[in-house]
Amino acid sequence: MMQRTICLRQKKEILEANKRDVATAEENMKAKSMIDRLSLDHDRLLGMADGLRQIAKLADPIGEVMSMAKRPNGLIIGKKKSCNRCCWNHF
């Protein structure tokens, strides 16, 4: 509920900024389909917020073991999901 409140509290500011973006796009672009994709209204904004909340509820796949196999020599080899970019932060 708190996230929805934050979204609604910032709705006016987001929609005003979007109007400026749409005006700039209309001056520089001719494709109405691109303008439509950029345009936000109350329903689209709430739909985006709901979608983000659904994503936030998903389990983090990083560290999930995808497969595991034991080789004839006894060596166990596994495949685990990781974030390659995360590893670079340590160097």
PDB file of N, CA and C in Angstrom:
ATOM      1  N   MET A   1       0.827  -1.198   0.000  1.00  0.00           N
ATOM      2  CA  MET A   1       0.000   0.000   0.000  1.00  0.00           C
ATOM      3  C   MET A   1       0.864   1.252   0.000  1.00  0.00           C
ATOM      4  N   MET A   2       1.983   1.216   0.713  1.00  0.00           N
ATOM      5  CA  MET A   2       2.860   2.380   0.783  1.00  0.00           C
ATOM      6  C   MET A   2       3.403   2.748  -0.598  1.00  0.00           C
ATOM      7  N   GLN A   3       3.792   1.719  -1.411  1.00  0.00           N
ATOM      8  CA  GLN A   3       4.325   2.003  -2.733  1.00  0.00           C
ATOM      9  C   GLN A   3       3.279   2.689  -3.603  1.00  0.00           C
ATOM     10  N   ARG A   4       2.035   2.238  -3.511  1.00  0.00           N
ATOM     11  CA  ARG A   4       0.967   2.856  -4.305  1.00  0.00           C
ATOM     12  C   ARG A   4       0.778   4.306  -3.879  1.00  0.00           C
ATOM     13  N   THR A   5       0.890   4.586  -2.576  1.00  0.00           N
ATOM     14  CA  THR A   5       0.769   5.951  -2.068  1.00  0.00           C
ATOM     15  C   THR A   5       1.876   6.826  -2.619  1.00  0.00           C
ATOM     16  N   ILE A   6       3.095   6.301  -2.625  1.00  0.00           N
ATOM     17  CA  ILE A   6       4.225   7.061  -3.160  1.00  0.00           C
ATOM     18  C   ILE A   6       3.994   7.369  -4.634  1.00  0.00           C
ATOM     19  N   CYS A   7       3.538   6.360  -5.372  1.00  0.00           N
ATOM     20  CA  CYS A   7       3.277   6.554  -6.797  1.00  0.00           C
ATOM     21  C   CYS A   7       2.214   7.623  -6.996  1.00  0.00           C
ATOM     22  N   LEU A   8       1.136   7.556  -6.230  1.00  0.00           N
ATOM     23  CA  LEU A   8       0.064   8.531  -6.377  1.00  0.00           C
ATOM     24  C   LEU A   8       0.530   9.921  -5.954  1.00  0.00           C
ATOM     25  N   ARG A   9       1.384   9.997  -4.959  1.00  0.00           N
ATOM     26  CA  ARG A   9       1.894  11.278  -4.488  1.00  0.00           C
ATOM     27  C   ARG A   9       2.753  11.937  -5.571  1.00  0.00           C
ATOM     28  N   GLN A  10       3.482  11.128  -6.328  1.00  0.00           N
ATOM     29  CA  GLN A  10       4.370  11.659  -7.359  1.00  0.00           C
ATOM     30  C   GLN A  10       3.724  11.674  -8.746  1.00  0.00           C
ATOM     31  N   LYS A  11       2.482  11.221  -8.832  1.00  0.00           N
ATOM     32  CA  LYS A  11       1.807  11.109 -10.118  1.00  0.00           C
ATOM     33  C   LYS A  11       1.779  12.436 -10.871  1.00  0.00           C
ATOM     34  N   LYS A  12       1.414  13.507 -10.196  1.00  0.00           N
ATOM     35  CA  LYS A  12       1.305  14.806 -10.857  1.00  0.00           C
ATOM     36  C   LYS A  12       2.649  15.227 -11.447  1.00  0.00           C
ATOM     37  N   GLU A  13       3.706  15.083 -10.667  1.00  0.00           N
ATOM     38  CA  GLU A  13       5.044  15.451 -11.135  1.00  0.00           C
ATOM     39  C   GLU A  13       5.475  14.588 -12.328  1.00  0.00           C
ATOM     40  N   ILE A  14       5.193  13.292 -12.257  1.00  0.00           N
ATOM     41  CA  ILE A  14       5.563  12.384 -13.348  1.00  0.00           C
ATOM     42  C   ILE A  14       4.798  12.735 -14.618  1.00  0.00           C
ATOM     43  N   LEU A  15       3.491  12.972 -14.496  1.00  0.00           N
ATOM     44  CA  LEU A  15       2.683  13.279 -15.681  1.00  0.00           C
ATOM     45  C   LEU A  15       3.057  14.630 -16.283  1.00  0.00           C
ATOM     46  N   GLU A  16       3.414  15.613 -15.450  1.00  0.00           N
ATOM     47  CA  GLU A  16       3.856  16.909 -15.976  1.00  0.00           C
ATOM     48  C   GLU A  16       5.169  16.766 -16.734  1.00  0.00           C
ATOM     49  N   ALA A  17       6.096  15.990 -16.192  1.00  0.00           N
ATOM     50  CA  ALA A  17       7.370  15.754 -16.876  1.00  0.00           C
ATOM     51  C   ALA A  17       7.129  15.008 -18.183  1.00  0.00           C
ATOM     52  N   ASN A  18       6.185  14.075 -18.181  1.00  0.00           N
ATOM     53  CA  ASN A  18       5.877  13.329 -19.391  1.00  0.00           C
ATOM     54  C   ASN A  18       5.294  14.234 -20.464  1.00  0.00           C
ATOM     55  N   LYS A  19       4.464  15.199 -20.069  1.00  0.00           N
ATOM     56  CA  LYS A  19       3.908  16.148 -21.052  1.00  0.00           C
ATOM     57  C   LYS A  19       5.025  16.913 -21.738  1.00  0.00           C
ATOM     58  N   ARG A  20       6.032  17.314 -20.974  1.00  0.00           N
ATOM     59  CA  ARG A  20       7.177  18.018 -21.564  1.00  0.00           C
ATOM     60  C   ARG A  20       7.931  17.093 -22.527  1.00  0.00           C
ATOM     61  N   ASP A  21       8.104  15.837 -22.121  1.00  0.00           N
ATOM     62  CA  ASP A  21       8.789  14.872 -22.987  1.00  0.00           C
ATOM     63  C   ASP A  21       8.017  14.643 -24.285  1.00  0.00           C
ATOM     64  N   VAL A  22       6.704  14.519 -24.169  1.00  0.00           N
ATOM     65  CA  VAL A  22       5.872  14.302 -25.354  1.00  0.00           C
ATOM     66  C   VAL A  22       5.940  15.513 -26.281  1.00  0.00           C
ATOM     67  N   ALA A  23       5.903  16.718 -25.721  1.00  0.00           N
ATOM     68  CA  ALA A  23       5.984  17.931 -26.546  1.00  0.00           C
ATOM     69  C   ALA A  23       7.318  17.976 -27.298  1.00  0.00           C
ATOM     70  N   THR A  24       8.403  17.640 -26.610  1.00  0.00           N
ATOM     71  CA  THR A  24       9.719  17.615 -27.258  1.00  0.00           C
ATOM     72  C   THR A  24       9.747  16.562 -28.356  1.00  0.00           C
ATOM     73  N   ALA A  25       9.173  15.401 -28.078  1.00  0.00           N
ATOM     74  CA  ALA A  25       9.135  14.319 -29.066  1.00  0.00           C
ATOM     75  C   ALA A  25       8.307  14.716 -30.278  1.00  0.00           C
ATOM     76  N   GLU A  26       7.202  15.396 -30.052  1.00  0.00           N
ATOM     77  CA  GLU A  26       6.365  15.823 -31.179  1.00  0.00           C
ATOM     78  C   GLU A  26       7.101  16.815 -32.062  1.00  0.00           C
ATOM     79  N   GLU A  27       7.956  17.634 -31.471  1.00  0.00           N
ATOM     80  CA  GLU A  27       8.745  18.586 -32.252  1.00  0.00           C
ATOM     81  C   GLU A  27       9.825  17.890 -33.074  1.00  0.00           C
ATOM     82  N   ASN A  28      10.338  16.756 -32.564  1.00  0.00           N
ATOM     83  CA  ASN A  28      11.483  16.106 -33.194  1.00  0.00           C
ATOM     84  C   ASN A  28      11.178  14.805 -33.925  1.00  0.00           C
ATOM     85  N   MET A  29      10.056  14.182 -33.647  1.00  0.00           N
ATOM     86  CA  MET A  29       9.718  12.901 -34.268  1.00  0.00           C
ATOM     87  C   MET A  29       8.453  13.039 -35.095  1.00  0.00           C
ATOM     88  N   LYS A  30       8.358  12.189 -36.110  1.00  0.00           N
ATOM     89  CA  LYS A  30       7.155  12.210 -36.920  1.00  0.00           C
ATOM     90  C   LYS A  30       6.284  10.977 -36.685  1.00  0.00           C
ATOM     91  N   ALA A  31       6.841   9.930 -36.123  1.00  0.00           N
ATOM     92  CA  ALA A  31       6.101   8.680 -35.947  1.00  0.00           C
ATOM     93  C   ALA A  31       5.143   8.790 -34.761  1.00  0.00           C
ATOM     94  N   LYS A  32       3.842   8.767 -35.072  1.00  0.00           N
ATOM     95  CA  LYS A  32       2.829   8.854 -34.018  1.00  0.00           C
ATOM     96  C   LYS A  32       2.880   7.650 -33.091  1.00  0.00           C
ATOM     97  N   SER A  33       3.311   6.498 -33.608  1.00  0.00           N
ATOM     98  CA  SER A  33       3.393   5.301 -32.765  1.00  0.00           C
ATOM     99  C   SER A  33       4.435   5.487 -31.657  1.00  0.00           C
ATOM    100  N   MET A  34       5.526   6.175 -31.956  1.00  0.00           N
ATOM    101  CA  MET A  34       6.548   6.433 -30.933  1.00  0.00           C
ATOM    102  C   MET A  34       6.025   7.414 -29.883  1.00  0.00           C
ATOM    103  N   ILE A  35       5.290   8.413 -30.341  1.00  0.00           N
ATOM    104  CA  ILE A  35       4.703   9.386 -29.424  1.00  0.00           C
ATOM    105  C   ILE A  35       3.718   8.670 -28.486  1.00  0.00           C
ATOM    106  N   ASP A  36       2.919   7.766 -29.056  1.00  0.00           N
ATOM    107  CA  ASP A  36       1.949   7.029 -28.252  1.00  0.00           C
ATOM    108  C   ASP A  36       2.650   6.183 -27.195  1.00  0.00           C
ATOM    109  N   ARG A  37       3.753   5.546 -27.549  1.00  0.00           N
ATOM    110  CA  ARG A  37       4.489   4.715 -26.585  1.00  0.00           C
ATOM    111  C   ARG A  37       5.067   5.560 -25.460  1.00  0.00           C
ATOM    112  N   LEU A  38       5.442   6.780 -25.764  1.00  0.00           N
ATOM    113  CA  LEU A  38       6.024   7.677 -24.769  1.00  0.00           C
ATOM    114  C   LEU A  38       4.960   8.278 -23.854  1.00  0.00           C
ATOM    115  N   SER A  39       3.764   8.454 -24.364  1.00  0.00           N
ATOM    116  CA  SER A  39       2.705   9.158 -23.630  1.00  0.00           C
ATOM    117  C   SER A  39       2.190   8.372 -22.434  1.00  0.00           C
ATOM    118  N   LEU A  40       2.092   9.054 -21.298  1.00  0.00           N
ATOM    119  CA  LEU A  40       1.549   8.463 -20.081  1.00  0.00           C
ATOM    120  C   LEU A  40       0.246   9.149 -19.699  1.00  0.00           C
ATOM    121  N   ASP A  41      -0.648   8.373 -19.116  1.00  0.00           N
ATOM    122  CA  ASP A  41      -1.834   8.924 -18.483  1.00  0.00           C
ATOM    123  C   ASP A  41      -1.982   8.190 -17.144  1.00  0.00           C
ATOM    124  N   HIS A  42      -3.028   8.512 -16.420  1.00  0.00           N
ATOM    125  CA  HIS A  42      -3.235   7.924 -15.096  1.00  0.00           C
ATOM    126  C   HIS A  42      -3.215   6.392 -15.154  1.00  0.00           C
ATOM    127  N   ASP A  43      -3.958   5.810 -16.092  1.00  0.00           N
ATOM    128  CA  ASP A  43      -4.063   4.350 -16.178  1.00  0.00           C
ATOM    129  C   ASP A  43      -2.735   3.702 -16.550  1.00  0.00           C
ATOM    130  N   ARG A  44      -2.026   4.279 -17.505  1.00  0.00           N
ATOM    131  CA  ARG A  44      -0.727   3.720 -17.893  1.00  0.00           C
ATOM    132  C   ARG A  44       0.264   3.795 -16.739  1.00  0.00           C
ATOM    133  N   LEU A  45       0.261   4.898 -16.027  1.00  0.00           N
ATOM    134  CA  LEU A  45       1.177   5.065 -14.901  1.00  0.00           C
ATOM    135  C   LEU A  45       0.888   4.031 -13.808  1.00  0.00           C
ATOM    136  N   LEU A  46      -0.382   3.841 -13.476  1.00  0.00           N
ATOM    137  CA  LEU A  46      -0.730   2.830 -12.475  1.00  0.00           C
ATOM    138  C   LEU A  46      -0.408   1.429 -12.963  1.00  0.00           C
ATOM    139  N   GLY A  47      -0.590   1.171 -14.245  1.00  0.00           N
ATOM    140  CA  GLY A  47      -0.232  -0.134 -14.816  1.00  0.00           C
ATOM    141  C   GLY A  47       1.261  -0.402 -14.708  1.00  0.00           C
ATOM    142  N   MET A  48       2.065   0.629 -14.979  1.00  0.00           N
ATOM    143  CA  MET A  48       3.515   0.486 -14.850  1.00  0.00           C
ATOM    144  C   MET A  48       3.893   0.216 -13.397  1.00  0.00           C
ATOM    145  N   ALA A  49       3.290   0.952 -12.480  1.00  0.00           N
ATOM    146  CA  ALA A  49       3.589   0.772 -11.054  1.00  0.00           C
ATOM    147  C   ALA A  49       3.192  -0.628 -10.597  1.00  0.00           C
ATOM    148  N   ASP A  50       2.032  -1.110 -11.043  1.00  0.00           N
ATOM    149  CA  ASP A  50       1.597  -2.462 -10.681  1.00  0.00           C
ATOM    150  C   ASP A  50       2.557  -3.506 -11.242  1.00  0.00           C
ATOM    151  N   GLY A  51       3.005  -3.311 -12.476  1.00  0.00           N
ATOM    152  CA  GLY A  51       3.964  -4.232 -13.082  1.00  0.00           C
ATOM    153  C   GLY A  51       5.278  -4.271 -12.317  1.00  0.00           C
ATOM    154  N   LEU A  52       5.750  -3.115 -11.887  1.00  0.00           N
ATOM    155  CA  LEU A  52       6.989  -3.068 -11.102  1.00  0.00           C
ATOM    156  C   LEU A  52       6.826  -3.760  -9.762  1.00  0.00           C
ATOM    157  N   ARG A  53       5.649  -3.613  -9.147  1.00  0.00           N
ATOM    158  CA  ARG A  53       5.403  -4.305  -7.880  1.00  0.00           C
ATOM    159  C   ARG A  53       5.408  -5.822  -8.074  1.00  0.00           C
ATOM    160  N   GLN A  54       4.863  -6.290  -9.198  1.00  0.00           N
ATOM    161  CA  GLN A  54       4.870  -7.724  -9.485  1.00  0.00           C
ATOM    162  C   GLN A  54       6.296  -8.234  -9.668  1.00  0.00           C
ATOM    163  N   ILE A  55       7.121  -7.460 -10.358  1.00  0.00           N
ATOM    164  CA  ILE A  55       8.525  -7.846 -10.552  1.00  0.00           C
ATOM    165  C   ILE A  55       9.252  -7.884  -9.214  1.00  0.00           C
ATOM    166  N   ALA A  56       8.990  -6.905  -8.362  1.00  0.00           N
ATOM    167  CA  ALA A  56       9.649  -6.840  -7.054  1.00  0.00           C
ATOM    168  C   ALA A  56       9.305  -8.050  -6.186  1.00  0.00           C
ATOM    169  N   LYS A  57       8.154  -8.659  -6.403  1.00  0.00           N
ATOM    170  CA  LYS A  57       7.742  -9.820  -5.615  1.00  0.00           C
ATOM    171  C   LYS A  57       8.396 -11.123  -6.083  1.00  0.00           C
ATOM    172  N   LEU A  58       8.981 -11.121  -7.288  1.00  0.00           N
ATOM    173  CA  LEU A  58       9.594 -12.341  -7.815  1.00  0.00           C
ATOM    174  C   LEU A  58      10.822 -12.732  -7.007  1.00  0.00           C
ATOM    175  N   ALA A  59      11.066 -14.025  -6.927  1.00  0.00           N
ATOM    176  CA  ALA A  59      12.253 -14.522  -6.235  1.00  0.00           C
ATOM    177  C   ALA A  59      13.504 -14.137  -7.029  1.00  0.00           C
ATOM    178  N   ASP A  60      14.570 -13.867  -6.313  1.00  0.00           N
ATOM    179  CA  ASP A  60      15.845 -13.530  -6.941  1.00  0.00           C
ATOM    180  C   ASP A  60      16.471 -14.810  -7.494  1.00  0.00           C
ATOM    181  N   PRO A  61      16.688 -14.897  -8.814  1.00  0.00           N
ATOM    182  CA  PRO A  61      17.231 -16.134  -9.387  1.00  0.00           C
ATOM    183  C   PRO A  61      18.736 -16.298  -9.173  1.00  0.00           C
ATOM    184  N   ILE A  62      19.446 -15.252  -8.776  1.00  0.00           N
ATOM    185  CA  ILE A  62      20.888 -15.331  -8.595  1.00  0.00           C
ATOM    186  C   ILE A  62      21.204 -16.353  -7.501  1.00  0.00           C
ATOM    187  N   GLY A  63      22.073 -17.279  -7.827  1.00  0.00           N
ATOM    188  CA  GLY A  63      22.464 -18.323  -6.891  1.00  0.00           C
ATOM    189  C   GLY A  63      21.664 -19.609  -7.045  1.00  0.00           C
ATOM    190  N   GLU A  64      20.638 -19.586  -7.867  1.00  0.00           N
ATOM    191  CA  GLU A  64      19.813 -20.784  -8.081  1.00  0.00           C
ATOM    192  C   GLU A  64      20.621 -21.842  -8.837  1.00  0.00           C
ATOM    193  N   VAL A  65      20.617 -23.066  -8.335  1.00  0.00           N
ATOM    194  CA  VAL A  65      21.319 -24.162  -9.005  1.00  0.00           C
ATOM    195  C   VAL A  65      20.428 -24.667 -10.129  1.00  0.00           C
ATOM    196  N   MET A  66      20.948 -24.591 -11.354  1.00  0.00           N
ATOM    197  CA  MET A  66      20.166 -24.985 -12.523  1.00  0.00           C
ATOM    198  C   MET A  66      20.326 -26.474 -12.832  1.00  0.00           C
ATOM    199  N   SER A  67      21.524 -27.007 -12.620  1.00  0.00           N
ATOM    200  CA  SER A  67      21.751 -28.433 -12.868  1.00  0.00           C
ATOM    201  C   SER A  67      22.953 -28.894 -12.052  1.00  0.00           C
ATOM    202  N   MET A  68      23.008 -30.199 -11.831  1.00  0.00           N
ATOM    203  CA  MET A  68      24.096 -30.784 -11.070  1.00  0.00           C
ATOM    204  C   MET A  68      24.322 -32.183 -11.634  1.00  0.00           C
ATOM    205  N   ALA A  69      25.569 -32.553 -11.866  1.00  0.00           N
ATOM    206  CA  ALA A  69      25.875 -33.871 -12.409  1.00  0.00           C
ATOM    207  C   ALA A  69      27.152 -34.406 -11.774  1.00  0.00           C
ATOM    208  N   LYS A  70      27.171 -35.712 -11.536  1.00  0.00           N
ATOM    209  CA  LYS A  70      28.359 -36.358 -10.992  1.00  0.00           C
ATOM    210  C   LYS A  70      29.059 -37.108 -12.126  1.00  0.00           C
ATOM    211  N   ARG A  71      30.318 -36.768 -12.332  1.00  0.00           N
ATOM    212  CA  ARG A  71      31.113 -37.390 -13.383  1.00  0.00           C
ATOM    213  C   ARG A  71      31.560 -38.783 -12.942  1.00  0.00           C
ATOM    214  N   PRO A  72      31.940 -39.642 -13.892  1.00  0.00           N
ATOM    215  CA  PRO A  72      32.383 -41.001 -13.537  1.00  0.00           C
ATOM    216  C   PRO A  72      33.550 -41.021 -12.540  1.00  0.00           C
ATOM    217  N   ASN A  73      34.371 -39.981 -12.554  1.00  0.00           N
ATOM    218  CA  ASN A  73      35.512 -39.937 -11.636  1.00  0.00           C
ATOM    219  C   ASN A  73      35.127 -39.382 -10.258  1.00  0.00           C
ATOM    220  N   GLY A  74      33.831 -39.092 -10.044  1.00  0.00           N
ATOM    221  CA  GLY A  74      33.357 -38.606  -8.754  1.00  0.00           C
ATOM    222  C   GLY A  74      33.250 -37.095  -8.656  1.00  0.00           C
ATOM    223  N   LEU A  75      33.791 -36.388  -9.643  1.00  0.00           N
ATOM    224  CA  LEU A  75      33.732 -34.922  -9.643  1.00  0.00           C
ATOM    225  C   LEU A  75      32.287 -34.470  -9.867  1.00  0.00           C
ATOM    226  N   ILE A  76      31.818 -33.573  -9.022  1.00  0.00           N
ATOM    227  CA  ILE A  76      30.460 -33.046  -9.161  1.00  0.00           C
ATOM    228  C   ILE A  76      30.544 -31.680  -9.843  1.00  0.00           C
ATOM    229  N   ILE A  77      29.819 -31.547 -10.935  1.00  0.00           N
ATOM    230  CA  ILE A  77      29.820 -30.303 -11.713  1.00  0.00           C
ATOM    231  C   ILE A  77      28.409 -29.735 -11.681  1.00  0.00           C
ATOM    232  N   GLY A  78      28.321 -28.453 -11.358  1.00  0.00           N
ATOM    233  CA  GLY A  78      27.018 -27.813 -11.292  1.00  0.00           C
ATOM    234  C   GLY A  78      26.978 -26.533 -12.110  1.00  0.00           C
ATOM    235  N   LYS A  79      25.774 -26.138 -12.414  1.00  0.00           N
ATOM    236  CA  LYS A  79      25.538 -24.890 -13.143  1.00  0.00           C
ATOM    237  C   LYS A  79      24.643 -24.028 -12.268  1.00  0.00           C
ATOM    238  N   LYS A  80      25.118 -22.827 -11.941  1.00  0.00           N
ATOM    239  CA  LYS A  80      24.402 -21.940 -11.048  1.00  0.00           C
ATOM    240  C   LYS A  80      24.194 -20.585 -11.728  1.00  0.00           C
ATOM    241  N   LYS A  81      23.015 -19.985 -11.549  1.00  0.00           N
ATOM    242  CA  LYS A  81      22.743 -18.667 -12.109  1.00  0.00           C
ATOM    243  C   LYS A  81      23.552 -17.621 -11.349  1.00  0.00           C
ATOM    244  N   SER A  82      24.178 -16.736 -12.103  1.00  0.00           N
ATOM    245  CA  SER A  82      24.956 -15.671 -11.466  1.00  0.00           C
ATOM    246  C   SER A  82      24.845 -14.400 -12.290  1.00  0.00           C
ATOM    247  N   CYS A  83      25.306 -13.338 -11.717  1.00  0.00           N
ATOM    248  CA  CYS A  83      25.332 -12.048 -12.405  1.00  0.00           C
ATOM    249  C   CYS A  83      26.787 -11.742 -12.725  1.00  0.00           C
ATOM    250  N   ASN A  84      27.151 -11.835 -13.975  1.00  0.00           N
ATOM    251  CA  ASN A  84      28.547 -11.620 -14.354  1.00  0.00           C
ATOM    252  C   ASN A  84      29.043 -10.243 -13.979  1.00  0.00           C
ATOM    253  N   ARG A  85      28.189  -9.238 -14.098  1.00  0.00           N
ATOM    254  CA  ARG A  85      28.604  -7.877 -13.751  1.00  0.00           C
ATOM    255  C   ARG A  85      28.907  -7.746 -12.259  1.00  0.00           C
ATOM    256  N   CYS A  86      28.185  -8.519 -11.434  1.00  0.00           N
ATOM    257  CA  CYS A  86      28.427  -8.465  -9.981  1.00  0.00           C
ATOM    258  C   CYS A  86      29.838  -8.912  -9.660  1.00  0.00           C
ATOM    259  N   CYS A  87      30.322  -9.909 -10.368  1.00  0.00           N
ATOM    260  CA  CYS A  87      31.654 -10.448 -10.101  1.00  0.00           C
ATOM    261  C   CYS A  87      32.745  -9.412 -10.381  1.00  0.00           C
ATOM    262  N   TRP A  88      32.528  -8.558 -11.355  1.00  0.00           N
ATOM    263  CA  TRP A  88      33.543  -7.581 -11.718  1.00  0.00           C
ATOM    264  C   TRP A  88      33.728  -6.520 -10.648  1.00  0.00           C
ATOM    265  N   ASN A  89      32.734  -6.340  -9.794  1.00  0.00           N
ATOM    266  CA  ASN A  89      32.849  -5.338  -8.722  1.00  0.00           C
ATOM    267  C   ASN A  89      33.918  -5.682  -7.712  1.00  0.00           C
ATOM    268  N   HIS A  90      34.346  -6.941  -7.670  1.00  0.00           N
ATOM    269  CA  HIS A  90      35.333  -7.363  -6.691  1.00  0.00           C
ATOM    270  C   HIS A  90      36.757  -7.138  -7.159  1.00  0.00           C
ATOM    271  N   PHE A  91      36.952  -6.772  -8.413  1.00  0.00           N
ATOM    272  CA  PHE A  91      38.311  -6.602  -8.943  1.00  0.00           C
ATOM    273  C   PHE A  91      38.656  -5.138  -9.106  1.00  0.00           C
TER     274      PHE A  91
END
